[in-house]
């Protein structure tokens, strides 16, 4: 299954580069998103693969909050990640 990185998790004064918001196609509410909590994810580039885990749902429209083991580059926004 694949998801799309929408944004970094951010607040008013900064952002957290190792936490991202992911939208999965076919998931439209909070209850469906909570089924993915705990699943492993990975983002792959030409040089590296960064692994992470789905931490929780985000909002009421079915987005996921994913924690990665280290920060993602800005080029990762709008790219696909693999959810296992």
C-alpha atoms as a PDB file:
ATOM      1  CA  UNK A   1       0.000   0.000   0.000  1.00  0.00           C
ATOM      2  CA  UNK A   2       1.206   3.512  -0.697  1.00  0.00           C
ATOM      3  CA  UNK A   3       0.571   6.909   0.801  1.00  0.00           C
ATOM      4  CA  UNK A   4       1.524  10.454  -0.192  1.00  0.00           C
ATOM      5  CA  UNK A   5       3.488  12.776   2.092  1.00  0.00           C
ATOM      6  CA  UNK A   6       1.422  15.946   2.458  1.00  0.00           C
ATOM      7  CA  UNK A   7       3.407  18.034   4.931  1.00  0.00           C
ATOM      8  CA  UNK A   8       5.771  18.025   7.850  1.00  0.00           C
ATOM      9  CA  UNK A   9       4.144  18.154  11.263  1.00  0.00           C
ATOM     10  CA  UNK A  10       4.377  21.806  12.186  1.00  0.00           C
ATOM     11  CA  UNK A  11       3.273  24.443  14.596  1.00  0.00           C
ATOM     12  CA  UNK A  12       3.171  28.183  14.625  1.00  0.00           C
ATOM     13  CA  UNK A  13       6.907  28.745  15.014  1.00  0.00           C
ATOM     14  CA  UNK A  14       8.555  25.684  13.506  1.00  0.00           C
ATOM     15  CA  UNK A  15       8.311  22.250  11.995  1.00  0.00           C
ATOM     16  CA  UNK A  16       9.449  18.781  12.970  1.00  0.00           C
ATOM     17  CA  UNK A  17      11.391  17.147  10.140  1.00  0.00           C
ATOM     18  CA  UNK A  18      11.097  13.572  11.416  1.00  0.00           C
ATOM     19  CA  UNK A  19       7.284  13.665  11.652  1.00  0.00           C
ATOM     20  CA  UNK A  20       5.109  13.936   8.555  1.00  0.00           C
ATOM     21  CA  UNK A  21       1.437  13.924   7.647  1.00  0.00           C
ATOM     22  CA  UNK A  22       0.514  11.217   5.115  1.00  0.00           C
ATOM     23  CA  UNK A  23      -2.677  10.864   3.082  1.00  0.00           C
ATOM     24  CA  UNK A  24      -3.642   7.349   1.970  1.00  0.00           C
ATOM     25  CA  UNK A  25      -6.029   6.966  -0.954  1.00  0.00           C
ATOM     26  CA  UNK A  26      -9.251   5.232   0.020  1.00  0.00           C
ATOM     27  CA  UNK A  27      -9.061   6.352   3.668  1.00  0.00           C
ATOM     28  CA  UNK A  28     -11.598   9.070   4.329  1.00  0.00           C
ATOM     29  CA  UNK A  29     -12.266   9.143   8.066  1.00  0.00           C
ATOM     30  CA  UNK A  30     -10.574   8.798  11.429  1.00  0.00           C
ATOM     31  CA  UNK A  31     -11.824   5.265  12.135  1.00  0.00           C
ATOM     32  CA  UNK A  32     -10.319   3.880   8.906  1.00  0.00           C
ATOM     33  CA  UNK A  33      -7.019   5.694   9.579  1.00  0.00           C
ATOM     34  CA  UNK A  34      -6.669   4.169  13.048  1.00  0.00           C
ATOM     35  CA  UNK A  35      -6.346   0.706  11.438  1.00  0.00           C
ATOM     36  CA  UNK A  36      -2.907   1.735  10.139  1.00  0.00           C
ATOM     37  CA  UNK A  37      -1.474   2.739  13.533  1.00  0.00           C
ATOM     38  CA  UNK A  38       1.663   0.722  14.283  1.00  0.00           C
ATOM     39  CA  UNK A  39       2.446  -0.253  10.674  1.00  0.00           C
ATOM     40  CA  UNK A  40       5.968   0.172   9.321  1.00  0.00           C
ATOM     41  CA  UNK A  41       6.650   2.659   6.521  1.00  0.00           C
ATOM     42  CA  UNK A  42       9.657   3.464   4.359  1.00  0.00           C
ATOM     43  CA  UNK A  43      10.677   6.354   2.127  1.00  0.00           C
ATOM     44  CA  UNK A  44      13.203   5.563  -0.589  1.00  0.00           C
ATOM     45  CA  UNK A  45      15.476   7.906  -2.502  1.00  0.00           C
ATOM     46  CA  UNK A  46      18.354   7.172  -4.854  1.00  0.00           C
ATOM     47  CA  UNK A  47      20.894   7.215  -2.013  1.00  0.00           C
ATOM     48  CA  UNK A  48      19.020   6.137   1.120  1.00  0.00           C
ATOM     49  CA  UNK A  49      15.989   4.509   2.665  1.00  0.00           C
ATOM     50  CA  UNK A  50      14.484   6.018   5.808  1.00  0.00           C
ATOM     51  CA  UNK A  51      12.156   3.857   7.889  1.00  0.00           C
ATOM     52  CA  UNK A  52       9.415   4.904  10.238  1.00  0.00           C
ATOM     53  CA  UNK A  53       6.178   3.939  11.948  1.00  0.00           C
ATOM     54  CA  UNK A  54       2.586   5.192  11.847  1.00  0.00           C
ATOM     55  CA  UNK A  55       2.030   6.887  15.205  1.00  0.00           C
ATOM     56  CA  UNK A  56      -1.594   8.021  15.054  1.00  0.00           C
ATOM     57  CA  UNK A  57      -4.341   9.433  12.903  1.00  0.00           C
ATOM     58  CA  UNK A  58      -4.269  13.153  12.170  1.00  0.00           C
ATOM     59  CA  UNK A  59      -7.502  15.099  12.028  1.00  0.00           C
ATOM     60  CA  UNK A  60     -10.913  13.791  11.021  1.00  0.00           C
ATOM     61  CA  UNK A  61     -10.334  13.260   7.289  1.00  0.00           C
ATOM     62  CA  UNK A  62      -8.199  10.104   7.485  1.00  0.00           C
ATOM     63  CA  UNK A  63      -4.643  11.441   7.428  1.00  0.00           C
ATOM     64  CA  UNK A  64      -1.851   9.663   9.311  1.00  0.00           C
ATOM     65  CA  UNK A  65       0.982  11.010  11.459  1.00  0.00           C
ATOM     66  CA  UNK A  66       4.216   9.111  10.772  1.00  0.00           C
ATOM     67  CA  UNK A  67       7.399   9.223  12.897  1.00  0.00           C
ATOM     68  CA  UNK A  68      10.634   8.529  11.018  1.00  0.00           C
ATOM     69  CA  UNK A  69      13.916   7.476  12.625  1.00  0.00           C
ATOM     70  CA  UNK A  70      15.617  10.583  11.251  1.00  0.00           C
ATOM     71  CA  UNK A  71      14.554  13.720   9.434  1.00  0.00           C
ATOM     72  CA  UNK A  72      13.300  13.694   5.864  1.00  0.00           C
ATOM     73  CA  UNK A  73      14.556  16.149   3.256  1.00  0.00           C
ATOM     74  CA  UNK A  74      12.223  18.790   1.881  1.00  0.00           C
ATOM     75  CA  UNK A  75      12.146  16.995  -1.478  1.00  0.00           C
ATOM     76  CA  UNK A  76      10.133  14.210   0.175  1.00  0.00           C
ATOM     77  CA  UNK A  77       6.985  16.351   0.225  1.00  0.00           C
ATOM     78  CA  UNK A  78       4.426  15.044  -2.344  1.00  0.00           C
ATOM     79  CA  UNK A  79       6.394  11.803  -2.823  1.00  0.00           C
ATOM     80  CA  UNK A  80       5.090   8.289  -2.179  1.00  0.00           C
ATOM     81  CA  UNK A  81       5.930   6.093   0.811  1.00  0.00           C
ATOM     82  CA  UNK A  82       5.401   2.359   1.230  1.00  0.00           C
ATOM     83  CA  UNK A  83       3.158   1.189   4.084  1.00  0.00           C
ATOM     84  CA  UNK A  84       3.707  -2.448   5.117  1.00  0.00           C
END
